[in-house]
Amino acid sequence: MWSGGVLTAVFMKNTAYRMSRKLFRFPALRSTARRGQTAIEYLLVTVSLLVVFVVMYQSLQWYLSGEFTRGGLIILRMYKEDAW
């Protein structure tokens, strides 16, 4: 004897399976929805990667300019201390 929950789960599973089979019969319906979703996903990934790389570039540029300034000060101090 089937209980109500099991019967409902089997019915829902079969309904989802039948609906997915209908999508494969009509590739035009499936492809337009997927194509738009894929394009938006590609755009979002591209924008997020661009933001990450720009932030990394700016932070490294800021860090390296500070390092060069500190290195230049050390070199100038060494020339002043060690005069020939």
PDB file of N, CA and C in Angstrom:
ATOM      1  N   MET A   1       0.850  -1.182   0.000  1.00  0.00           N
ATOM      2  CA  MET A   1       0.000   0.000   0.000  1.00  0.00           C
ATOM      3  C   MET A   1       0.894   1.243   0.000  1.00  0.00           C
ATOM      4  N   TRP A   2       0.616   2.153  -0.896  1.00  0.00           N
ATOM      5  CA  TRP A   2       1.398   3.374  -1.003  1.00  0.00           C
ATOM      6  C   TRP A   2       0.871   4.412  -0.031  1.00  0.00           C
ATOM      7  N   SER A   3       1.806   5.098   0.642  1.00  0.00           N
ATOM      8  CA  SER A   3       1.354   6.197   1.494  1.00  0.00           C
ATOM      9  C   SER A   3       1.249   7.458   0.635  1.00  0.00           C
ATOM     10  N   GLY A   4       0.585   8.476   1.147  1.00  0.00           N
ATOM     11  CA  GLY A   4       0.359   9.694   0.380  1.00  0.00           C
ATOM     12  C   GLY A   4       1.641  10.396  -0.009  1.00  0.00           C
ATOM     13  N   GLY A   5       2.628  10.430   0.910  1.00  0.00           N
ATOM     14  CA  GLY A   5       3.882  11.139   0.630  1.00  0.00           C
ATOM     15  C   GLY A   5       4.677  10.476  -0.463  1.00  0.00           C
ATOM     16  N   VAL A   6       4.729   9.162  -0.464  1.00  0.00           N
ATOM     17  CA  VAL A   6       5.503   8.443  -1.472  1.00  0.00           C
ATOM     18  C   VAL A   6       4.835   8.592  -2.830  1.00  0.00           C
ATOM     19  N   LEU A   7       3.501   8.491  -2.846  1.00  0.00           N
ATOM     20  CA  LEU A   7       2.781   8.626  -4.102  1.00  0.00           C
ATOM     21  C   LEU A   7       2.960  10.024  -4.690  1.00  0.00           C
ATOM     22  N   THR A   8       2.923  11.040  -3.846  1.00  0.00           N
ATOM     23  CA  THR A   8       3.125  12.413  -4.307  1.00  0.00           C
ATOM     24  C   THR A   8       4.540  12.595  -4.850  1.00  0.00           C
ATOM     25  N   ALA A   9       5.537  12.031  -4.155  1.00  0.00           N
ATOM     26  CA  ALA A   9       6.918  12.152  -4.605  1.00  0.00           C
ATOM     27  C   ALA A   9       7.118  11.472  -5.953  1.00  0.00           C
ATOM     28  N   VAL A  10       6.506  10.295  -6.128  1.00  0.00           N
ATOM     29  CA  VAL A  10       6.634   9.588  -7.405  1.00  0.00           C
ATOM     30  C   VAL A  10       5.946  10.380  -8.505  1.00  0.00           C
ATOM     31  N   PHE A  11       4.780  10.928  -8.213  1.00  0.00           N
ATOM     32  CA  PHE A  11       4.053  11.715  -9.208  1.00  0.00           C
ATOM     33  C   PHE A  11       4.846  12.956  -9.601  1.00  0.00           C
ATOM     34  N   MET A  12       5.435  13.657  -8.605  1.00  0.00           N
ATOM     35  CA  MET A  12       6.215  14.861  -8.889  1.00  0.00           C
ATOM     36  C   MET A  12       7.445  14.511  -9.709  1.00  0.00           C
ATOM     37  N   LYS A  13       8.084  13.383  -9.395  1.00  0.00           N
ATOM     38  CA  LYS A  13       9.279  12.976 -10.126  1.00  0.00           C
ATOM     39  C   LYS A  13       8.923  12.685 -11.580  1.00  0.00           C
ATOM     40  N   ASN A  14       7.825  11.962 -11.791  1.00  0.00           N
ATOM     41  CA  ASN A  14       7.409  11.642 -13.158  1.00  0.00           C
ATOM     42  C   ASN A  14       6.995  12.896 -13.918  1.00  0.00           C
ATOM     43  N   THR A  15       6.356  13.846 -13.249  1.00  0.00           N
ATOM     44  CA  THR A  15       5.944  15.078 -13.902  1.00  0.00           C
ATOM     45  C   THR A  15       7.167  15.888 -14.330  1.00  0.00           C
ATOM     46  N   ALA A  16       8.158  15.989 -13.466  1.00  0.00           N
ATOM     47  CA  ALA A  16       9.384  16.711 -13.817  1.00  0.00           C
ATOM     48  C   ALA A  16      10.097  16.024 -14.968  1.00  0.00           C
ATOM     49  N   TYR A  17      10.083  14.708 -14.955  1.00  0.00           N
ATOM     50  CA  TYR A  17      10.733  13.957 -16.039  1.00  0.00           C
ATOM     51  C   TYR A  17      10.018  14.211 -17.357  1.00  0.00           C
ATOM     52  N   ARG A  18       8.687  14.195 -17.345  1.00  0.00           N
ATOM     53  CA  ARG A  18       7.933  14.425 -18.573  1.00  0.00           C
ATOM     54  C   ARG A  18       8.142  15.846 -19.080  1.00  0.00           C
ATOM     55  N   MET A  19       8.206  16.809 -18.165  1.00  0.00           N
ATOM     56  CA  MET A  19       8.423  18.190 -18.592  1.00  0.00           C
ATOM     57  C   MET A  19       9.805  18.360 -19.212  1.00  0.00           C
ATOM     58  N   SER A  20      10.799  17.701 -18.652  1.00  0.00           N
ATOM     59  CA  SER A  20      12.143  17.807 -19.221  1.00  0.00           C
ATOM     60  C   SER A  20      12.189  17.136 -20.590  1.00  0.00           C
ATOM     61  N   ARG A  21      11.450  16.064 -20.775  1.00  0.00           N
ATOM     62  CA  ARG A  21      11.406  15.405 -22.075  1.00  0.00           C
ATOM     63  C   ARG A  21      10.746  16.311 -23.114  1.00  0.00           C
ATOM     64  N   LYS A  22       9.747  17.119 -22.705  1.00  0.00           N
ATOM     65  CA  LYS A  22       9.094  18.026 -23.636  1.00  0.00           C
ATOM     66  C   LYS A  22      10.063  19.106 -24.100  1.00  0.00           C
ATOM     67  N   LEU A  23      10.937  19.556 -23.230  1.00  0.00           N
ATOM     68  CA  LEU A  23      11.909  20.568 -23.626  1.00  0.00           C
ATOM     69  C   LEU A  23      12.843  20.048 -24.702  1.00  0.00           C
ATOM     70  N   PHE A  24      13.179  18.762 -24.632  1.00  0.00           N
ATOM     71  CA  PHE A  24      14.080  18.203 -25.631  1.00  0.00           C
ATOM     72  C   PHE A  24      13.387  18.025 -26.974  1.00  0.00           C
ATOM     73  N   ARG A  25      12.057  17.941 -26.978  1.00  0.00           N
ATOM     74  CA  ARG A  25      11.340  17.845 -28.237  1.00  0.00           C
ATOM     75  C   ARG A  25      11.330  19.175 -28.972  1.00  0.00           C
ATOM     76  N   PHE A  26      11.356  20.267 -28.222  1.00  0.00           N
ATOM     77  CA  PHE A  26      11.331  21.598 -28.816  1.00  0.00           C
ATOM     78  C   PHE A  26      12.640  22.308 -28.504  1.00  0.00           C
ATOM     79  N   PRO A  27      13.676  22.062 -29.293  1.00  0.00           N
ATOM     80  CA  PRO A  27      14.974  22.675 -28.978  1.00  0.00           C
ATOM     81  C   PRO A  27      14.968  24.193 -29.079  1.00  0.00           C
ATOM     82  N   ALA A  28      14.050  24.768 -29.847  1.00  0.00           N
ATOM     83  CA  ALA A  28      14.008  26.229 -29.961  1.00  0.00           C
ATOM     84  C   ALA A  28      13.623  26.857 -28.631  1.00  0.00           C
ATOM     85  N   LEU A  29      12.692  26.247 -27.903  1.00  0.00           N
ATOM     86  CA  LEU A  29      12.297  26.773 -26.593  1.00  0.00           C
ATOM     87  C   LEU A  29      13.435  26.665 -25.596  1.00  0.00           C
ATOM     88  N   ARG A  30      14.139  25.564 -25.648  1.00  0.00           N
ATOM     89  CA  ARG A  30      15.221  25.339 -24.696  1.00  0.00           C
ATOM     90  C   ARG A  30      16.414  26.229 -25.000  1.00  0.00           C
ATOM     91  N   SER A  31      16.749  26.408 -26.261  1.00  0.00           N
ATOM     92  CA  SER A  31      17.976  27.124 -26.593  1.00  0.00           C
ATOM     93  C   SER A  31      17.870  28.628 -26.349  1.00  0.00           C
ATOM     94  N   THR A  32      16.703  29.236 -26.576  1.00  0.00           N
ATOM     95  CA  THR A  32      16.611  30.688 -26.372  1.00  0.00           C
ATOM     96  C   THR A  32      16.730  31.032 -24.899  1.00  0.00           C
ATOM     97  N   ALA A  33      16.128  30.241 -24.046  1.00  0.00           N
ATOM     98  CA  ALA A  33      16.234  30.511 -22.607  1.00  0.00           C
ATOM     99  C   ALA A  33      17.657  30.286 -22.135  1.00  0.00           C
ATOM    100  N   ARG A  34      18.258  29.213 -22.572  1.00  0.00           N
ATOM    101  CA  ARG A  34      19.636  28.914 -22.155  1.00  0.00           C
ATOM    102  C   ARG A  34      20.628  29.906 -22.725  1.00  0.00           C
ATOM    103  N   ARG A  35      20.393  30.331 -23.968  1.00  0.00           N
ATOM    104  CA  ARG A  35      21.329  31.255 -24.598  1.00  0.00           C
ATOM    105  C   ARG A  35      21.374  32.578 -23.848  1.00  0.00           C
ATOM    106  N   GLY A  36      20.223  33.088 -23.438  1.00  0.00           N
ATOM    107  CA  GLY A  36      20.185  34.339 -22.686  1.00  0.00           C
ATOM    108  C   GLY A  36      20.828  34.208 -21.322  1.00  0.00           C
ATOM    109  N   GLN A  37      20.557  33.086 -20.661  1.00  0.00           N
ATOM    110  CA  GLN A  37      21.146  32.865 -19.343  1.00  0.00           C
ATOM    111  C   GLN A  37      22.657  32.729 -19.452  1.00  0.00           C
ATOM    112  N   THR A  38      23.125  32.018 -20.467  1.00  0.00           N
ATOM    113  CA  THR A  38      24.565  31.831 -20.654  1.00  0.00           C
ATOM    114  C   THR A  38      25.249  33.158 -20.949  1.00  0.00           C
ATOM    115  N   ALA A  39      24.621  33.985 -21.768  1.00  0.00           N
ATOM    116  CA  ALA A  39      25.222  35.284 -22.091  1.00  0.00           C
ATOM    117  C   ALA A  39      25.338  36.153 -20.849  1.00  0.00           C
ATOM    118  N   ILE A  40      24.307  36.157 -20.029  1.00  0.00           N
ATOM    119  CA  ILE A  40      24.353  36.963 -18.799  1.00  0.00           C
ATOM    120  C   ILE A  40      25.393  36.416 -17.836  1.00  0.00           C
ATOM    121  N   GLU A  41      25.502  35.091 -17.732  1.00  0.00           N
ATOM    122  CA  GLU A  41      26.525  34.509 -16.856  1.00  0.00           C
ATOM    123  C   GLU A  41      27.925  34.883 -17.343  1.00  0.00           C
ATOM    124  N   TYR A  42      28.157  34.815 -18.651  1.00  0.00           N
ATOM    125  CA  TYR A  42      29.466  35.190 -19.188  1.00  0.00           C
ATOM    126  C   TYR A  42      29.776  36.659 -18.907  1.00  0.00           C
ATOM    127  N   LEU A  43      28.783  37.518 -19.074  1.00  0.00           N
ATOM    128  CA  LEU A  43      29.004  38.937 -18.798  1.00  0.00           C
ATOM    129  C   LEU A  43      29.322  39.184 -17.329  1.00  0.00           C
ATOM    130  N   LEU A  44      28.593  38.518 -16.432  1.00  0.00           N
ATOM    131  CA  LEU A  44      28.847  38.700 -15.002  1.00  0.00           C
ATOM    132  C   LEU A  44      30.233  38.201 -14.612  1.00  0.00           C
ATOM    133  N   VAL A  45      30.631  37.059 -15.145  1.00  0.00           N
ATOM    134  CA  VAL A  45      31.963  36.528 -14.835  1.00  0.00           C
ATOM    135  C   VAL A  45      33.032  37.447 -15.394  1.00  0.00           C
ATOM    136  N   THR A  46      32.834  37.961 -16.604  1.00  0.00           N
ATOM    137  CA  THR A  46      33.817  38.863 -17.205  1.00  0.00           C
ATOM    138  C   THR A  46      33.962  40.142 -16.400  1.00  0.00           C
ATOM    139  N   VAL A  47      32.853  40.724 -15.992  1.00  0.00           N
ATOM    140  CA  VAL A  47      32.902  41.970 -15.210  1.00  0.00           C
ATOM    141  C   VAL A  47      33.546  41.723 -13.857  1.00  0.00           C
ATOM    142  N   SER A  48      33.207  40.611 -13.208  1.00  0.00           N
ATOM    143  CA  SER A  48      33.788  40.343 -11.891  1.00  0.00           C
ATOM    144  C   SER A  48      35.293  40.102 -11.995  1.00  0.00           C
ATOM    145  N   LEU A  49      35.735  39.370 -13.014  1.00  0.00           N
ATOM    146  CA  LEU A  49      37.172  39.154 -13.181  1.00  0.00           C
ATOM    147  C   LEU A  49      37.891  40.456 -13.519  1.00  0.00           C
ATOM    148  N   LEU A  50      37.258  41.304 -14.313  1.00  0.00           N
ATOM    149  CA  LEU A  50      37.858  42.601 -14.622  1.00  0.00           C
ATOM    150  C   LEU A  50      38.029  43.432 -13.359  1.00  0.00           C
ATOM    151  N   VAL A  51      37.022  43.449 -12.501  1.00  0.00           N
ATOM    152  CA  VAL A  51      37.115  44.201 -11.251  1.00  0.00           C
ATOM    153  C   VAL A  51      38.228  43.637 -10.372  1.00  0.00           C
ATOM    154  N   VAL A  52      38.321  42.314 -10.284  1.00  0.00           N
ATOM    155  CA  VAL A  52      39.365  41.695  -9.456  1.00  0.00           C
ATOM    156  C   VAL A  52      40.749  42.072  -9.968  1.00  0.00           C
ATOM    157  N   PHE A  53      40.959  41.980 -11.283  1.00  0.00           N
ATOM    158  CA  PHE A  53      42.283  42.287 -11.817  1.00  0.00           C
ATOM    159  C   PHE A  53      42.618  43.775 -11.697  1.00  0.00           C
ATOM    160  N   VAL A  54      41.646  44.652 -11.860  1.00  0.00           N
ATOM    161  CA  VAL A  54      41.911  46.091 -11.710  1.00  0.00           C
ATOM    162  C   VAL A  54      42.281  46.404 -10.267  1.00  0.00           C
ATOM    163  N   VAL A  55      41.572  45.818  -9.313  1.00  0.00           N
ATOM    164  CA  VAL A  55      41.891  46.054  -7.898  1.00  0.00           C
ATOM    165  C   VAL A  55      43.268  45.506  -7.564  1.00  0.00           C
ATOM    166  N   MET A  56      43.592  44.312  -8.081  1.00  0.00           N
ATOM    167  CA  MET A  56      44.929  43.754  -7.833  1.00  0.00           C
ATOM    168  C   MET A  56      46.016  44.633  -8.440  1.00  0.00           C
ATOM    169  N   TYR A  57      45.795  45.129  -9.651  1.00  0.00           N
ATOM    170  CA  TYR A  57      46.777  45.974 -10.314  1.00  0.00           C
ATOM    171  C   TYR A  57      46.992  47.272  -9.537  1.00  0.00           C
ATOM    172  N   GLN A  58      45.901  47.896  -9.109  1.00  0.00           N
ATOM    173  CA  GLN A  58      46.012  49.153  -8.369  1.00  0.00           C
ATOM    174  C   GLN A  58      46.739  48.951  -7.038  1.00  0.00           C
ATOM    175  N   SER A  59      46.408  47.858  -6.342  1.00  0.00           N
ATOM    176  CA  SER A  59      47.059  47.635  -5.042  1.00  0.00           C
ATOM    177  C   SER A  59      48.544  47.328  -5.216  1.00  0.00           C
ATOM    178  N   LEU A  60      48.888  46.535  -6.230  1.00  0.00           N
ATOM    179  CA  LEU A  60      50.308  46.259  -6.462  1.00  0.00           C
ATOM    180  C   LEU A  60      51.060  47.506  -6.921  1.00  0.00           C
ATOM    181  N   GLN A  61      50.418  48.329  -7.719  1.00  0.00           N
ATOM    182  CA  GLN A  61      51.057  49.570  -8.155  1.00  0.00           C
ATOM    183  C   GLN A  61      51.307  50.490  -6.963  1.00  0.00           C
ATOM    184  N   TRP A  62      50.341  50.600  -6.072  1.00  0.00           N
ATOM    185  CA  TRP A  62      50.504  51.424  -4.877  1.00  0.00           C
ATOM    186  C   TRP A  62      51.628  50.868  -4.002  1.00  0.00           C
ATOM    187  N   TYR A  63      51.649  49.533  -3.815  1.00  0.00           N
ATOM    188  CA  TYR A  63      52.663  48.915  -2.960  1.00  0.00           C
ATOM    189  C   TYR A  63      54.062  49.082  -3.564  1.00  0.00           C
ATOM    190  N   LEU A  64      54.192  48.839  -4.864  1.00  0.00           N
ATOM    191  CA  LEU A  64      55.514  48.929  -5.479  1.00  0.00           C
ATOM    192  C   LEU A  64      56.036  50.358  -5.536  1.00  0.00           C
ATOM    193  N   SER A  65      55.162  51.330  -5.732  1.00  0.00           N
ATOM    194  CA  SER A  65      55.640  52.714  -5.738  1.00  0.00           C
ATOM    195  C   SER A  65      56.165  53.098  -4.355  1.00  0.00           C
ATOM    196  N   GLY A  66      55.519  52.619  -3.305  1.00  0.00           N
ATOM    197  CA  GLY A  66      56.022  52.858  -1.947  1.00  0.00           C
ATOM    198  C   GLY A  66      57.362  52.176  -1.708  1.00  0.00           C
ATOM    199  N   GLU A  67      57.502  50.961  -2.221  1.00  0.00           N
ATOM    200  CA  GLU A  67      58.776  50.243  -2.064  1.00  0.00           C
ATOM    201  C   GLU A  67      59.911  50.970  -2.794  1.00  0.00           C
ATOM    202  N   PHE A  68      59.646  51.457  -4.002  1.00  0.00           N
ATOM    203  CA  PHE A  68      60.677  52.188  -4.735  1.00  0.00           C
ATOM    204  C   PHE A  68      61.050  53.483  -4.021  1.00  0.00           C
ATOM    205  N   THR A  69      60.079  54.163  -3.431  1.00  0.00           N
ATOM    206  CA  THR A  69      60.374  55.388  -2.687  1.00  0.00           C
ATOM    207  C   THR A  69      61.244  55.072  -1.482  1.00  0.00           C
ATOM    208  N   ARG A  70      60.883  54.038  -0.725  1.00  0.00           N
ATOM    209  CA  ARG A  70      61.690  53.658   0.442  1.00  0.00           C
ATOM    210  C   ARG A  70      63.086  53.191   0.035  1.00  0.00           C
ATOM    211  N   GLY A  71      63.167  52.440  -1.069  1.00  0.00           N
ATOM    212  CA  GLY A  71      64.482  51.991  -1.551  1.00  0.00           C
ATOM    213  C   GLY A  71      65.351  53.157  -1.988  1.00  0.00           C
ATOM    214  N   GLY A  72      64.742  54.138  -2.646  1.00  0.00           N
ATOM    215  CA  GLY A  72      65.502  55.326  -3.067  1.00  0.00           C
ATOM    216  C   GLY A  72      66.013  56.110  -1.877  1.00  0.00           C
ATOM    217  N   LEU A  73      65.204  56.225  -0.814  1.00  0.00           N
ATOM    218  CA  LEU A  73      65.660  56.923   0.386  1.00  0.00           C
ATOM    219  C   LEU A  73      66.820  56.195   1.046  1.00  0.00           C
ATOM    220  N   ILE A  74      66.784  54.884   1.050  1.00  0.00           N
ATOM    221  CA  ILE A  74      67.888  54.113   1.642  1.00  0.00           C
ATOM    222  C   ILE A  74      69.164  54.336   0.845  1.00  0.00           C
ATOM    223  N   ILE A  75      69.049  54.327  -0.479  1.00  0.00           N
ATOM    224  CA  ILE A  75      70.236  54.544  -1.318  1.00  0.00           C
ATOM    225  C   ILE A  75      70.806  55.946  -1.093  1.00  0.00           C
ATOM    226  N   LEU A  76      69.944  56.963  -1.027  1.00  0.00           N
ATOM    227  CA  LEU A  76      70.427  58.329  -0.803  1.00  0.00           C
ATOM    228  C   LEU A  76      71.089  58.467   0.559  1.00  0.00           C
ATOM    229  N   ARG A  77      70.514  57.817   1.582  1.00  0.00           N
ATOM    230  CA  ARG A  77      71.133  57.868   2.905  1.00  0.00           C
ATOM    231  C   ARG A  77      72.499  57.208   2.915  1.00  0.00           C
ATOM    232  N   MET A  78      72.648  56.110   2.187  1.00  0.00           N
ATOM    233  CA  MET A  78      73.942  55.414   2.136  1.00  0.00           C
ATOM    234  C   MET A  78      74.993  56.302   1.468  1.00  0.00           C
ATOM    235  N   TYR A  79      74.620  57.046   0.418  1.00  0.00           N
ATOM    236  CA  TYR A  79      75.579  57.922  -0.240  1.00  0.00           C
ATOM    237  C   TYR A  79      75.983  59.082   0.655  1.00  0.00           C
ATOM    238  N   LYS A  80      75.036  59.579   1.475  1.00  0.00           N
ATOM    239  CA  LYS A  80      75.377  60.676   2.370  1.00  0.00           C
ATOM    240  C   LYS A  80      76.278  60.214   3.498  1.00  0.00           C
ATOM    241  N   GLU A  81      76.005  59.016   4.047  1.00  0.00           N
ATOM    242  CA  GLU A  81      76.804  58.517   5.175  1.00  0.00           C
ATOM    243  C   GLU A  81      78.202  58.097   4.736  1.00  0.00           C
ATOM    244  N   ASP A  82      78.280  57.500   3.551  1.00  0.00           N
ATOM    245  CA  ASP A  82      79.551  56.921   3.122  1.00  0.00           C
ATOM    246  C   ASP A  82      80.161  57.834   2.042  1.00  0.00           C
ATOM    247  N   ALA A  83      80.438  59.059   2.430  1.00  0.00           N
ATOM    248  CA  ALA A  83      81.046  59.969   1.461  1.00  0.00           C
ATOM    249  C   ALA A  83      82.506  59.589   1.297  1.00  0.00           C
ATOM    250  N   TRP A  84      83.032  59.652   0.129  1.00  0.00           N
ATOM    251  CA  TRP A  84      84.401  59.228  -0.163  1.00  0.00           C
ATOM    252  C   TRP A  84      85.332  60.117   0.517  1.00  0.00           C
TER     253      TRP A  84
END
